[in-house]
Amino acid sequence: MKRRSILVTGGAGFVGSHLVERLISRQDTKVTILDKLVYPGRLDTLPSSLRKDPNFRFVRGDAGSKRILDKLLSEVDSVAHLAAETHIDRSILTIDTFIRNDFVTSAHLFESLVQSKVKRIVHISTSEVYGSAQQEPMTEEHPLAPQSPYAASKAGADRLAYSFYKTYKLPIVILRPFNMYGPRQHVEKLIPFFTTNALLDLPLYVYGAGTAERDWLWVGDGARAIQAVLFADNLEALIGQEINAGTGRSYSTNWVAEHILKRLGKPKSLLKTHTDRPGHVTKLVSNARKAKRLLGWEPSISFEEGLDKTVDWYRDNPGFWKKRRDDERFKEYTRAWYGKKL
C-alpha cells in the first residue's frame, strides 16, 4: 500500500475537519493541516481522537505564507485547498477580508505550488460562483455570474486556479460543491443558525419571502468527493477540469426552517421575516453527472435524512455551539446584521 502525504489548507474549518477525518481513517495517509485558526476555524472542530493520531499534524499559519509553504510543500504529494472565508452575509459587511483570504491567499499558494513537486491539487470552489440559475440543473458550463463579494472572490480564485493550470501546467482540479451542511458547521450558517435559534426559542429570520432555493449537500458526501479527486487513478483526465458536487434537488428556505421547527417540536411563530439579502441568489441546483462520470461519485444521503441528523446533532451537542454563540465576533455580526443581540 503506497502511503500518501496530503496538505489540507483550512483543515480546522467545517468541511476541512470532515475531510481530514476521512483521510486519517484510511490509515495509509499522513495529513498536515495548515490553518490560521482565525474565526471560524478552531481546533475543537476536529475530534480530539483525530488530533492524537500519529498520521495527523497541525501547523498554525496562513495558507498564503511562502515561508511556511516552502517547507510544507516539500513534504507532501497532494494539496486540498479549502482555506477561505465562506459566509456571504459577512462578505457584504467586510469585503476586504474576503478578497484577501479567498483570492490573494489562493494566488500566493498557487505561486508556491508552481515551484513545488506536488503532483495533485484540488481547489475547493463553490456553486455560488454561478449566481442564480439561468438553466436547470446547472452544469459546469453555466455562466459564472457571482452576486456577492464572497462569490466574486471565490470566482476569482476559481479562474485563477484554471489560469495556473493553463499557464504553468499546475496539476489542479476545481471542485464546485453546492451548499454543504452537517455536524460541526459554524453557527453563523443557515442550518445551524436556525437550529440553535430554535433550541433557544429565538426567532428564525427568513430572508424576503423565503422562496430562495438551494441544493443541499451532506458534508460527508462533499468530503468524499474531495477524497475521490485526491485518490483518483485517472488524474490526467481530471487535471484542469471543473466538477460540480451536488444532489440535483433544491429546497426553499421556508421548507428548511419549517422542517427544523417540526423536528424540534417548536412553534411556527418563531419564523420571522427579515429584509432580503442584497444580491440574494434565487436558486442553485446542480447537475453532477460529470462527477459521476469522472470520479464515480454521487450523493449517498437525502437532504431530509441529512437534515434530521444535523438537527439532532446540534440538539445533542450544546457544548459545541454555545461557546461559538458566546464568541463576541458572532454577537457583533448578529448585531450588525439583525440589529439586535441574539
C-alpha atoms as a PDB file:
ATOM      1  CA  MET A   1       0.000   0.000   0.000  1.00  0.00           C
ATOM      2  CA  LYS A   2       1.537   3.294  -1.115  1.00  0.00           C
ATOM      3  CA  ARG A   3       1.438   5.888   1.617  1.00  0.00           C
ATOM      4  CA  ARG A   4       0.245   9.376   0.789  1.00  0.00           C
ATOM      5  CA  SER A   5       1.003  12.745   2.364  1.00  0.00           C
ATOM      6  CA  ILE A   6      -1.623  15.473   1.940  1.00  0.00           C
ATOM      7  CA  LEU A   7      -1.715  19.124   2.965  1.00  0.00           C
ATOM      8  CA  VAL A   8      -5.196  20.433   3.778  1.00  0.00           C
ATOM      9  CA  THR A   9      -5.427  24.210   3.983  1.00  0.00           C
ATOM     10  CA  GLY A  10      -8.251  25.381   6.208  1.00  0.00           C
ATOM     11  CA  GLY A  11      -8.460  21.920   7.736  1.00  0.00           C
ATOM     12  CA  ALA A  12      -9.714  23.206  11.088  1.00  0.00           C
ATOM     13  CA  GLY A  13     -12.892  24.502   9.471  1.00  0.00           C
ATOM     14  CA  PHE A  14     -16.194  22.706   8.968  1.00  0.00           C
ATOM     15  CA  VAL A  15     -15.597  20.907   5.666  1.00  0.00           C
ATOM     16  CA  GLY A  16     -11.873  20.539   6.313  1.00  0.00           C
ATOM     17  CA  SER A  17     -12.449  18.722   9.593  1.00  0.00           C
ATOM     18  CA  HIS A  18     -14.699  16.156   7.913  1.00  0.00           C
ATOM     19  CA  LEU A  19     -12.238  15.690   5.061  1.00  0.00           C
ATOM     20  CA  VAL A  20      -9.308  15.167   7.426  1.00  0.00           C
ATOM     21  CA  GLU A  21     -11.365  12.690   9.423  1.00  0.00           C
ATOM     22  CA  ARG A  22     -11.979  10.652   6.259  1.00  0.00           C
ATOM     23  CA  LEU A  23      -8.354  10.803   5.151  1.00  0.00           C
ATOM     24  CA  ILE A  24      -6.955   9.740   8.521  1.00  0.00           C
ATOM     25  CA  SER A  25      -9.406   6.836   8.698  1.00  0.00           C
ATOM     26  CA  ARG A  26      -7.783   5.358   5.576  1.00  0.00           C
ATOM     27  CA  GLN A  27      -4.642   4.586   7.650  1.00  0.00           C
ATOM     28  CA  ASP A  28      -2.464   4.975   4.549  1.00  0.00           C
ATOM     29  CA  THR A  29      -2.366   8.766   4.577  1.00  0.00           C
ATOM     30  CA  LYS A  30      -0.485  11.379   6.563  1.00  0.00           C
ATOM     31  CA  VAL A  31      -2.390  14.645   6.813  1.00  0.00           C
ATOM     32  CA  THR A  32      -0.992  18.072   7.604  1.00  0.00           C
ATOM     33  CA  ILE A  33      -3.448  20.861   8.370  1.00  0.00           C
ATOM     34  CA  LEU A  34      -2.441  24.457   7.701  1.00  0.00           C
ATOM     35  CA  ASP A  35      -4.892  26.844   9.334  1.00  0.00           C
ATOM     36  CA  LYS A  36      -4.684  30.348  10.809  1.00  0.00           C
ATOM     37  CA  LEU A  37      -7.336  29.484  13.416  1.00  0.00           C
ATOM     38  CA  VAL A  38      -8.977  32.805  12.718  1.00  0.00           C
ATOM     39  CA  TYR A  39     -12.733  32.725  13.222  1.00  0.00           C
ATOM     40  CA  PRO A  40     -14.444  30.362  12.474  1.00  0.00           C
ATOM     41  CA  GLY A  41     -11.612  27.795  12.156  1.00  0.00           C
ATOM     42  CA  ARG A  42     -10.954  26.201  15.560  1.00  0.00           C
ATOM     43  CA  LEU A  43      -9.025  23.169  16.669  1.00  0.00           C
ATOM     44  CA  ASP A  44     -12.012  21.845  18.595  1.00  0.00           C
ATOM     45  CA  THR A  45     -13.850  21.454  15.288  1.00  0.00           C
ATOM     46  CA  LEU A  46     -11.611  18.401  14.910  1.00  0.00           C
ATOM     47  CA  PRO A  47     -12.464  15.405  17.126  1.00  0.00           C
ATOM     48  CA  SER A  48      -9.903  15.024  19.931  1.00  0.00           C
ATOM     49  CA  SER A  49      -9.144  11.425  18.892  1.00  0.00           C
ATOM     50  CA  LEU A  50      -8.172  12.702  15.456  1.00  0.00           C
ATOM     51  CA  ARG A  51      -5.716  15.211  16.886  1.00  0.00           C
ATOM     52  CA  LYS A  52      -3.933  12.395  18.718  1.00  0.00           C
ATOM     53  CA  ASP A  53      -3.488  10.214  15.633  1.00  0.00           C
ATOM     54  CA  PRO A  54       0.175   9.695  14.605  1.00  0.00           C
ATOM     55  CA  ASN A  55      -0.747  10.492  10.987  1.00  0.00           C
ATOM     56  CA  PHE A  56      -2.125  13.906  11.977  1.00  0.00           C
ATOM     57  CA  ARG A  57      -0.111  17.122  12.100  1.00  0.00           C
ATOM     58  CA  PHE A  58      -1.283  20.659  12.687  1.00  0.00           C
ATOM     59  CA  VAL A  59       0.574  23.790  11.613  1.00  0.00           C
ATOM     60  CA  ARG A  60      -0.809  27.185  12.527  1.00  0.00           C
ATOM     61  CA  GLY A  61      -0.289  29.713   9.774  1.00  0.00           C
ATOM     62  CA  ASP A  62      -1.534  31.450   6.653  1.00  0.00           C
ATOM     63  CA  ALA A  63      -2.131  29.324   3.550  1.00  0.00           C
ATOM     64  CA  GLY A  64      -0.567  32.123   1.534  1.00  0.00           C
ATOM     65  CA  SER A  65       2.669  32.365   3.519  1.00  0.00           C
ATOM     66  CA  LYS A  66       5.614  31.495   1.261  1.00  0.00           C
ATOM     67  CA  ARG A  67       7.860  30.953   4.277  1.00  0.00           C
ATOM     68  CA  ILE A  68       5.554  28.266   5.659  1.00  0.00           C
ATOM     69  CA  LEU A  69       4.594  26.800   2.290  1.00  0.00           C
ATOM     70  CA  ASP A  70       8.145  26.251   1.025  1.00  0.00           C
ATOM     71  CA  LYS A  71       8.767  23.743   3.793  1.00  0.00           C
ATOM     72  CA  LEU A  72       5.351  22.086   3.887  1.00  0.00           C
ATOM     73  CA  LEU A  73       5.015  21.623   0.133  1.00  0.00           C
ATOM     74  CA  SER A  74       8.354  19.802   0.038  1.00  0.00           C
ATOM     75  CA  GLU A  75       6.890  17.210   2.399  1.00  0.00           C
ATOM     76  CA  VAL A  76       3.579  16.382   0.672  1.00  0.00           C
ATOM     77  CA  ASP A  77       2.467  14.882  -2.624  1.00  0.00           C
ATOM     78  CA  SER A  78      -1.023  16.434  -2.749  1.00  0.00           C
ATOM     79  CA  VAL A  79      -2.876  19.550  -1.619  1.00  0.00           C
ATOM     80  CA  ALA A  80      -6.555  20.131  -0.848  1.00  0.00           C
ATOM     81  CA  HIS A  81      -7.107  23.891  -0.746  1.00  0.00           C
ATOM     82  CA  LEU A  82     -10.108  24.707   1.434  1.00  0.00           C
ATOM     83  CA  ALA A  83      -8.860  27.791   3.306  1.00  0.00           C
ATOM     84  CA  ALA A  84     -11.346  30.608   2.700  1.00  0.00           C
ATOM     85  CA  GLU A  85     -13.855  32.965   4.231  1.00  0.00           C
ATOM     86  CA  THR A  86     -17.235  31.471   3.355  1.00  0.00           C
ATOM     87  CA  HIS A  87     -20.097  33.434   4.910  1.00  0.00           C
ATOM     88  CA  ILE A  88     -21.967  35.526   2.340  1.00  0.00           C
ATOM     89  CA  ASP A  89     -23.526  37.907   4.869  1.00  0.00           C
ATOM     90  CA  ARG A  90     -20.119  38.704   6.360  1.00  0.00           C
ATOM     91  CA  SER A  91     -18.693  39.377   2.900  1.00  0.00           C
ATOM     92  CA  ILE A  92     -21.225  42.170   2.474  1.00  0.00           C
ATOM     93  CA  LEU A  93     -20.057  43.705   5.755  1.00  0.00           C
ATOM     94  CA  THR A  94     -16.276  43.194   5.365  1.00  0.00           C
ATOM     95  CA  ILE A  95     -15.344  42.913   1.697  1.00  0.00           C
ATOM     96  CA  ASP A  96     -11.574  43.334   2.074  1.00  0.00           C
ATOM     97  CA  THR A  97     -11.242  40.282   4.338  1.00  0.00           C
ATOM     98  CA  PHE A  98     -12.804  38.062   1.684  1.00  0.00           C
ATOM     99  CA  ILE A  99     -10.690  39.408  -1.167  1.00  0.00           C
ATOM    100  CA  ARG A 100      -7.550  38.893   0.885  1.00  0.00           C
ATOM    101  CA  ASN A 101      -8.338  35.444   2.299  1.00  0.00           C
ATOM    102  CA  ASP A 102     -10.142  33.936  -0.687  1.00  0.00           C
ATOM    103  CA  PHE A 103      -8.346  35.432  -3.675  1.00  0.00           C
ATOM    104  CA  VAL A 104      -4.949  36.802  -2.612  1.00  0.00           C
ATOM    105  CA  THR A 105      -4.129  33.828  -0.362  1.00  0.00           C
ATOM    106  CA  SER A 106      -5.002  31.455  -3.220  1.00  0.00           C
ATOM    107  CA  ALA A 107      -2.727  33.391  -5.574  1.00  0.00           C
ATOM    108  CA  HIS A 108       0.206  33.064  -3.178  1.00  0.00           C
ATOM    109  CA  LEU A 109      -0.481  29.364  -2.648  1.00  0.00           C
ATOM    110  CA  PHE A 110      -0.660  28.618  -6.379  1.00  0.00           C
ATOM    111  CA  GLU A 111       2.550  30.561  -6.942  1.00  0.00           C
ATOM    112  CA  SER A 112       4.333  28.443  -4.331  1.00  0.00           C
ATOM    113  CA  LEU A 113       2.858  25.274  -5.823  1.00  0.00           C
ATOM    114  CA  VAL A 114       4.392  26.073  -9.207  1.00  0.00           C
ATOM    115  CA  GLN A 115       7.835  25.808  -7.580  1.00  0.00           C
ATOM    116  CA  SER A 116       6.972  22.566  -5.769  1.00  0.00           C
ATOM    117  CA  LYS A 117       6.885  18.922  -6.784  1.00  0.00           C
ATOM    118  CA  VAL A 118       3.282  18.412  -5.662  1.00  0.00           C
ATOM    119  CA  LYS A 119       1.553  16.063  -8.102  1.00  0.00           C
ATOM    120  CA  ARG A 120      -2.114  16.714  -7.355  1.00  0.00           C
ATOM    121  CA  ILE A 121      -4.110  19.728  -6.182  1.00  0.00           C
ATOM    122  CA  VAL A 122      -7.836  20.058  -5.594  1.00  0.00           C
ATOM    123  CA  HIS A 123      -9.119  23.615  -5.301  1.00  0.00           C
ATOM    124  CA  ILE A 124     -12.436  23.891  -3.494  1.00  0.00           C
ATOM    125  CA  SER A 125     -14.595  26.462  -5.227  1.00  0.00           C
ATOM    126  CA  THR A 126     -18.346  26.887  -4.691  1.00  0.00           C
ATOM    127  CA  SER A 127     -21.648  26.821  -6.547  1.00  0.00           C
ATOM    128  CA  GLU A 128     -22.086  30.486  -5.599  1.00  0.00           C
ATOM    129  CA  VAL A 129     -19.777  31.406  -8.493  1.00  0.00           C
ATOM    130  CA  TYR A 130     -22.710  30.660 -10.829  1.00  0.00           C
ATOM    131  CA  GLY A 131     -25.163  33.149  -9.340  1.00  0.00           C
ATOM    132  CA  SER A 132     -28.881  32.444  -9.782  1.00  0.00           C
ATOM    133  CA  ALA A 133     -29.711  29.520 -12.040  1.00  0.00           C
ATOM    134  CA  GLN A 134     -30.100  30.585 -15.655  1.00  0.00           C
ATOM    135  CA  GLN A 135     -30.680  26.950 -16.586  1.00  0.00           C
ATOM    136  CA  GLU A 136     -31.707  23.937 -14.513  1.00  0.00           C
ATOM    137  CA  PRO A 137     -29.981  21.836 -13.440  1.00  0.00           C
ATOM    138  CA  MET A 138     -26.734  23.809 -13.522  1.00  0.00           C
ATOM    139  CA  THR A 139     -23.824  22.189 -15.357  1.00  0.00           C
ATOM    140  CA  GLU A 140     -20.180  23.237 -15.206  1.00  0.00           C
ATOM    141  CA  GLU A 141     -20.793  25.238 -18.402  1.00  0.00           C
ATOM    142  CA  HIS A 142     -23.283  27.506 -16.627  1.00  0.00           C
ATOM    143  CA  PRO A 143     -22.127  31.155 -16.872  1.00  0.00           C
ATOM    144  CA  LEU A 144     -20.208  32.493 -13.883  1.00  0.00           C
ATOM    145  CA  ALA A 145     -22.242  35.408 -12.528  1.00  0.00           C
ATOM    146  CA  PRO A 146     -21.349  35.894  -8.839  1.00  0.00           C
ATOM    147  CA  GLN A 147     -23.816  38.020  -6.892  1.00  0.00           C
ATOM    148  CA  SER A 148     -21.952  38.703  -3.616  1.00  0.00           C
ATOM    149  CA  PRO A 149     -18.421  39.758  -2.654  1.00  0.00           C
ATOM    150  CA  TYR A 150     -17.879  36.224  -1.328  1.00  0.00           C
ATOM    151  CA  ALA A 151     -18.983  34.662  -4.605  1.00  0.00           C
ATOM    152  CA  ALA A 152     -16.877  37.121  -6.605  1.00  0.00           C
ATOM    153  CA  SER A 153     -13.740  36.431  -4.565  1.00  0.00           C
ATOM    154  CA  LYS A 154     -14.283  32.680  -4.964  1.00  0.00           C
ATOM    155  CA  ALA A 155     -14.971  33.059  -8.685  1.00  0.00           C
ATOM    156  CA  GLY A 156     -11.698  34.941  -8.961  1.00  0.00           C
ATOM    157  CA  ALA A 157      -9.812  32.177  -7.167  1.00  0.00           C
ATOM    158  CA  ASP A 158     -11.596  29.562  -9.286  1.00  0.00           C
ATOM    159  CA  ARG A 159     -10.448  31.232 -12.515  1.00  0.00           C
ATOM    160  CA  LEU A 160      -7.011  31.895 -11.064  1.00  0.00           C
ATOM    161  CA  ALA A 161      -6.669  28.171 -10.403  1.00  0.00           C
ATOM    162  CA  TYR A 162      -7.580  27.468 -14.017  1.00  0.00           C
ATOM    163  CA  SER A 163      -5.098  30.056 -15.265  1.00  0.00           C
ATOM    164  CA  PHE A 164      -2.293  28.372 -13.310  1.00  0.00           C
ATOM    165  CA  TYR A 165      -3.234  25.083 -14.954  1.00  0.00           C
ATOM    166  CA  LYS A 166      -3.109  26.673 -18.410  1.00  0.00           C
ATOM    167  CA  THR A 167      -0.030  28.842 -17.885  1.00  0.00           C
ATOM    168  CA  TYR A 168       2.120  26.732 -15.579  1.00  0.00           C
ATOM    169  CA  LYS A 169       0.626  23.249 -16.124  1.00  0.00           C
ATOM    170  CA  LEU A 170      -0.250  23.114 -12.439  1.00  0.00           C
ATOM    171  CA  PRO A 171      -1.978  19.732 -11.833  1.00  0.00           C
ATOM    172  CA  ILE A 172      -5.116  21.269 -10.382  1.00  0.00           C
ATOM    173  CA  VAL A 173      -8.747  20.133 -10.298  1.00  0.00           C
ATOM    174  CA  ILE A 174     -11.514  22.613  -9.457  1.00  0.00           C
ATOM    175  CA  LEU A 175     -14.361  21.167  -7.392  1.00  0.00           C
ATOM    176  CA  ARG A 176     -17.563  23.186  -7.048  1.00  0.00           C
ATOM    177  CA  PRO A 177     -19.644  21.812  -4.168  1.00  0.00           C
ATOM    178  CA  PHE A 178     -23.170  23.076  -3.676  1.00  0.00           C
ATOM    179  CA  ASN A 179     -24.346  24.107  -0.189  1.00  0.00           C
ATOM    180  CA  MET A 180     -22.734  21.787   2.318  1.00  0.00           C
ATOM    181  CA  TYR A 181     -24.260  21.197   5.749  1.00  0.00           C
ATOM    182  CA  GLY A 182     -23.876  18.795   8.653  1.00  0.00           C
ATOM    183  CA  PRO A 183     -22.446  18.471  12.178  1.00  0.00           C
ATOM    184  CA  ARG A 184     -19.738  20.897  13.338  1.00  0.00           C
ATOM    185  CA  GLN A 185     -20.686  23.722  10.987  1.00  0.00           C
ATOM    186  CA  HIS A 186     -20.321  27.210  12.452  1.00  0.00           C
ATOM    187  CA  VAL A 187     -23.464  28.701  13.964  1.00  0.00           C
ATOM    188  CA  GLU A 188     -23.484  31.647  11.532  1.00  0.00           C
ATOM    189  CA  LYS A 189     -24.529  29.376   8.651  1.00  0.00           C
ATOM    190  CA  LEU A 190     -28.212  28.939   7.902  1.00  0.00           C
ATOM    191  CA  ILE A 191     -28.974  25.434   9.178  1.00  0.00           C
ATOM    192  CA  PRO A 192     -27.028  25.650  12.465  1.00  0.00           C
ATOM    193  CA  PHE A 193     -28.225  29.242  12.946  1.00  0.00           C
ATOM    194  CA  PHE A 194     -31.858  28.236  12.541  1.00  0.00           C
ATOM    195  CA  THR A 195     -31.383  25.102  14.650  1.00  0.00           C
ATOM    196  CA  THR A 196     -29.650  26.778  17.578  1.00  0.00           C
ATOM    197  CA  ASN A 197     -32.060  29.728  17.497  1.00  0.00           C
ATOM    198  CA  ALA A 198     -34.956  27.281  17.664  1.00  0.00           C
ATOM    199  CA  LEU A 199     -33.333  25.439  20.570  1.00  0.00           C
ATOM    200  CA  LEU A 200     -33.053  28.776  22.393  1.00  0.00           C
ATOM    201  CA  ASP A 201     -36.614  29.817  21.423  1.00  0.00           C
ATOM    202  CA  LEU A 202     -35.213  32.720  19.405  1.00  0.00           C
ATOM    203  CA  PRO A 203     -36.551  33.930  16.043  1.00  0.00           C
ATOM    204  CA  LEU A 204     -35.637  32.188  12.792  1.00  0.00           C
ATOM    205  CA  TYR A 205     -35.058  35.104  10.436  1.00  0.00           C
ATOM    206  CA  VAL A 206     -36.133  34.206   6.902  1.00  0.00           C
ATOM    207  CA  TYR A 207     -34.892  36.481   4.129  1.00  0.00           C
ATOM    208  CA  GLY A 208     -37.623  38.036   1.985  1.00  0.00           C
ATOM    209  CA  ALA A 209     -40.405  35.637   1.060  1.00  0.00           C
ATOM    210  CA  GLY A 210     -38.255  32.625   1.991  1.00  0.00           C
ATOM    211  CA  THR A 211     -38.537  31.204  -1.513  1.00  0.00           C
ATOM    212  CA  ALA A 212     -34.811  31.165  -2.373  1.00  0.00           C
ATOM    213  CA  GLU A 213     -33.781  27.558  -3.094  1.00  0.00           C
ATOM    214  CA  ARG A 214     -30.526  25.705  -2.545  1.00  0.00           C
ATOM    215  CA  ASP A 215     -29.119  22.299  -3.420  1.00  0.00           C
ATOM    216  CA  TRP A 216     -28.009  20.979  -0.015  1.00  0.00           C
ATOM    217  CA  LEU A 217     -25.063  18.559   0.062  1.00  0.00           C
ATOM    218  CA  TRP A 218     -24.310  16.412   3.130  1.00  0.00           C
ATOM    219  CA  VAL A 219     -20.791  17.260   4.323  1.00  0.00           C
ATOM    220  CA  GLY A 220     -19.764  13.602   4.347  1.00  0.00           C
ATOM    221  CA  ASP A 221     -20.648  13.371   0.669  1.00  0.00           C
ATOM    222  CA  GLY A 222     -18.755  16.589  -0.029  1.00  0.00           C
ATOM    223  CA  ALA A 223     -15.670  15.283   1.780  1.00  0.00           C
ATOM    224  CA  ARG A 224     -15.980  12.034  -0.158  1.00  0.00           C
ATOM    225  CA  ALA A 225     -15.967  13.983  -3.436  1.00  0.00           C
ATOM    226  CA  ILE A 226     -12.747  15.756  -2.437  1.00  0.00           C
ATOM    227  CA  GLN A 227     -11.207  12.423  -1.429  1.00  0.00           C
ATOM    228  CA  ALA A 228     -12.247  10.954  -4.774  1.00  0.00           C
ATOM    229  CA  VAL A 229     -10.204  13.608  -6.575  1.00  0.00           C
ATOM    230  CA  LEU A 230      -7.232  13.117  -4.258  1.00  0.00           C
ATOM    231  CA  PHE A 231      -7.114   9.367  -4.885  1.00  0.00           C
ATOM    232  CA  ALA A 232      -8.462   9.061  -8.435  1.00  0.00           C
ATOM    233  CA  ASP A 233      -6.436   6.809 -10.756  1.00  0.00           C
ATOM    234  CA  ASN A 234      -7.429   8.849 -13.831  1.00  0.00           C
ATOM    235  CA  LEU A 235      -5.622  12.026 -12.802  1.00  0.00           C
ATOM    236  CA  GLU A 236      -4.756  13.054 -16.364  1.00  0.00           C
ATOM    237  CA  ALA A 237      -8.452  13.145 -17.230  1.00  0.00           C
ATOM    238  CA  LEU A 238      -9.189  15.341 -14.204  1.00  0.00           C
ATOM    239  CA  ILE A 239      -6.479  17.997 -14.373  1.00  0.00           C
ATOM    240  CA  GLY A 240      -7.880  21.367 -15.457  1.00  0.00           C
ATOM    241  CA  GLN A 241     -11.494  20.241 -15.061  1.00  0.00           C
ATOM    242  CA  GLU A 242     -14.283  21.974 -13.164  1.00  0.00           C
ATOM    243  CA  ILE A 243     -16.536  19.456 -11.417  1.00  0.00           C
ATOM    244  CA  ASN A 244     -19.847  20.048  -9.631  1.00  0.00           C
ATOM    245  CA  ALA A 245     -20.803  18.148  -6.485  1.00  0.00           C
ATOM    246  CA  GLY A 246     -24.490  18.337  -5.608  1.00  0.00           C
ATOM    247  CA  THR A 247     -27.709  16.360  -5.339  1.00  0.00           C
ATOM    248  CA  GLY A 248     -29.798  17.747  -8.204  1.00  0.00           C
ATOM    249  CA  ARG A 249     -32.638  18.717  -5.852  1.00  0.00           C
ATOM    250  CA  SER A 250     -33.332  22.119  -4.288  1.00  0.00           C
ATOM    251  CA  TYR A 251     -35.286  23.227  -1.217  1.00  0.00           C
ATOM    252  CA  SER A 252     -36.568  26.650  -0.197  1.00  0.00           C
ATOM    253  CA  THR A 253     -35.539  28.478   2.954  1.00  0.00           C
ATOM    254  CA  ASN A 254     -39.138  28.213   4.151  1.00  0.00           C
ATOM    255  CA  TRP A 255     -39.030  24.429   3.778  1.00  0.00           C
ATOM    256  CA  VAL A 256     -35.766  24.185   5.717  1.00  0.00           C
ATOM    257  CA  ALA A 257     -36.966  26.442   8.545  1.00  0.00           C
ATOM    258  CA  GLU A 258     -40.289  24.651   8.932  1.00  0.00           C
ATOM    259  CA  HIS A 259     -38.622  21.226   8.881  1.00  0.00           C
ATOM    260  CA  ILE A 260     -36.218  22.268  11.644  1.00  0.00           C
ATOM    261  CA  LEU A 261     -39.048  23.590  13.807  1.00  0.00           C
ATOM    262  CA  LYS A 262     -41.069  20.425  13.308  1.00  0.00           C
ATOM    263  CA  ARG A 263     -38.079  18.218  14.158  1.00  0.00           C
ATOM    264  CA  LEU A 264     -37.512  20.123  17.402  1.00  0.00           C
ATOM    265  CA  GLY A 265     -41.186  20.444  18.291  1.00  0.00           C
ATOM    266  CA  LYS A 266     -41.055  24.228  18.148  1.00  0.00           C
ATOM    267  CA  PRO A 267     -43.898  26.560  17.043  1.00  0.00           C
ATOM    268  CA  LYS A 268     -44.050  28.225  13.628  1.00  0.00           C
ATOM    269  CA  SER A 269     -44.462  31.519  15.474  1.00  0.00           C
ATOM    270  CA  LEU A 270     -40.643  31.567  15.721  1.00  0.00           C
ATOM    271  CA  LEU A 271     -40.492  32.287  11.976  1.00  0.00           C
ATOM    272  CA  LYS A 272     -39.835  35.956  11.322  1.00  0.00           C
ATOM    273  CA  THR A 273     -39.397  37.799   8.031  1.00  0.00           C
ATOM    274  CA  HIS A 274     -36.162  39.724   7.520  1.00  0.00           C
ATOM    275  CA  THR A 275     -35.207  42.137   4.753  1.00  0.00           C
ATOM    276  CA  ASP A 276     -33.868  40.109   1.846  1.00  0.00           C
ATOM    277  CA  ARG A 277     -30.103  39.820   1.478  1.00  0.00           C
ATOM    278  CA  PRO A 278     -28.688  42.212  -1.163  1.00  0.00           C
ATOM    279  CA  GLY A 279     -27.793  40.282  -4.300  1.00  0.00           C
ATOM    280  CA  HIS A 280     -29.516  37.168  -2.970  1.00  0.00           C
ATOM    281  CA  VAL A 281     -29.244  34.165  -5.306  1.00  0.00           C
ATOM    282  CA  THR A 282     -32.748  32.863  -6.023  1.00  0.00           C
ATOM    283  CA  LYS A 283     -31.909  29.271  -6.921  1.00  0.00           C
ATOM    284  CA  LEU A 284     -28.995  26.830  -7.099  1.00  0.00           C
ATOM    285  CA  VAL A 285     -29.484  23.255  -8.279  1.00  0.00           C
ATOM    286  CA  SER A 286     -26.721  21.053  -9.631  1.00  0.00           C
ATOM    287  CA  ASN A 287     -26.097  18.741 -12.495  1.00  0.00           C
ATOM    288  CA  ALA A 288     -23.401  16.415 -11.109  1.00  0.00           C
ATOM    289  CA  ARG A 289     -23.221  13.913 -13.958  1.00  0.00           C
ATOM    290  CA  LYS A 290     -19.622  14.906 -14.637  1.00  0.00           C
ATOM    291  CA  ALA A 291     -18.642  13.897 -11.093  1.00  0.00           C
ATOM    292  CA  LYS A 292     -20.259  10.518 -11.573  1.00  0.00           C
ATOM    293  CA  ARG A 293     -18.547  10.012 -14.938  1.00  0.00           C
ATOM    294  CA  LEU A 294     -15.055  11.125 -13.913  1.00  0.00           C
ATOM    295  CA  LEU A 295     -14.995  10.214 -10.213  1.00  0.00           C
ATOM    296  CA  GLY A 296     -17.657   7.547  -9.815  1.00  0.00           C
ATOM    297  CA  TRP A 297     -19.151   9.896  -7.213  1.00  0.00           C
ATOM    298  CA  GLU A 298     -22.764  10.564  -6.371  1.00  0.00           C
ATOM    299  CA  PRO A 299     -24.505  11.660  -3.159  1.00  0.00           C
ATOM    300  CA  SER A 300     -25.362   8.926  -0.679  1.00  0.00           C
ATOM    301  CA  ILE A 301     -27.909  10.596   1.588  1.00  0.00           C
ATOM    302  CA  SER A 302     -31.123  12.549   1.028  1.00  0.00           C
ATOM    303  CA  PHE A 303     -31.481  16.060   2.368  1.00  0.00           C
ATOM    304  CA  GLU A 304     -34.411  15.023   4.558  1.00  0.00           C
ATOM    305  CA  GLU A 305     -32.311  12.359   6.280  1.00  0.00           C
ATOM    306  CA  GLY A 306     -29.204  14.529   6.487  1.00  0.00           C
ATOM    307  CA  LEU A 307     -31.104  17.494   7.886  1.00  0.00           C
ATOM    308  CA  ASP A 308     -32.635  15.362  10.629  1.00  0.00           C
ATOM    309  CA  LYS A 309     -29.186  14.004  11.531  1.00  0.00           C
ATOM    310  CA  THR A 310     -27.792  17.528  11.621  1.00  0.00           C
ATOM    311  CA  VAL A 311     -30.574  18.978  13.765  1.00  0.00           C
ATOM    312  CA  ASP A 312     -30.284  16.046  16.180  1.00  0.00           C
ATOM    313  CA  TRP A 313     -26.509  16.558  16.415  1.00  0.00           C
ATOM    314  CA  TYR A 314     -26.870  20.210  17.418  1.00  0.00           C
ATOM    315  CA  ARG A 315     -29.603  19.313  19.888  1.00  0.00           C
ATOM    316  CA  ASP A 316     -27.308  16.717  21.491  1.00  0.00           C
ATOM    317  CA  ASN A 317     -24.077  18.784  21.416  1.00  0.00           C
ATOM    318  CA  PRO A 318     -24.821  22.156  23.036  1.00  0.00           C
ATOM    319  CA  GLY A 319     -21.220  22.431  24.235  1.00  0.00           C
ATOM    320  CA  PHE A 320     -20.071  22.838  20.637  1.00  0.00           C
ATOM    321  CA  TRP A 321     -22.395  25.624  19.589  1.00  0.00           C
ATOM    322  CA  LYS A 322     -22.937  27.567  22.814  1.00  0.00           C
ATOM    323  CA  LYS A 323     -19.326  28.719  23.050  1.00  0.00           C
ATOM    324  CA  ARG A 324     -19.461  29.804  19.417  1.00  0.00           C
ATOM    325  CA  ARG A 325     -22.607  31.780  20.030  1.00  0.00           C
ATOM    326  CA  ASP A 326     -20.923  33.323  23.073  1.00  0.00           C
ATOM    327  CA  ASP A 327     -17.999  34.500  20.930  1.00  0.00           C
ATOM    328  CA  GLU A 328     -18.028  38.293  20.699  1.00  0.00           C
ATOM    329  CA  ARG A 329     -17.441  38.112  16.945  1.00  0.00           C
ATOM    330  CA  PHE A 330     -20.681  36.199  16.495  1.00  0.00           C
ATOM    331  CA  LYS A 331     -22.509  38.721  18.649  1.00  0.00           C
ATOM    332  CA  GLU A 332     -21.028  41.625  16.667  1.00  0.00           C
ATOM    333  CA  TYR A 333     -22.180  40.001  13.429  1.00  0.00           C
ATOM    334  CA  THR A 334     -25.755  39.423  14.622  1.00  0.00           C
ATOM    335  CA  ARG A 335     -25.989  42.983  15.946  1.00  0.00           C
ATOM    336  CA  ALA A 336     -24.722  44.357  12.628  1.00  0.00           C
ATOM    337  CA  TRP A 337     -26.946  42.138  10.501  1.00  0.00           C
ATOM    338  CA  TYR A 338     -30.127  41.749  12.551  1.00  0.00           C
ATOM    339  CA  GLY A 339     -29.938  44.935  14.602  1.00  0.00           C
ATOM    340  CA  LYS A 340     -30.164  43.119  17.896  1.00  0.00           C
ATOM    341  CA  LYS A 341     -28.249  40.739  20.139  1.00  0.00           C
ATOM    342  CA  LEU A 342     -29.276  37.087  19.836  1.00  0.00           C
END
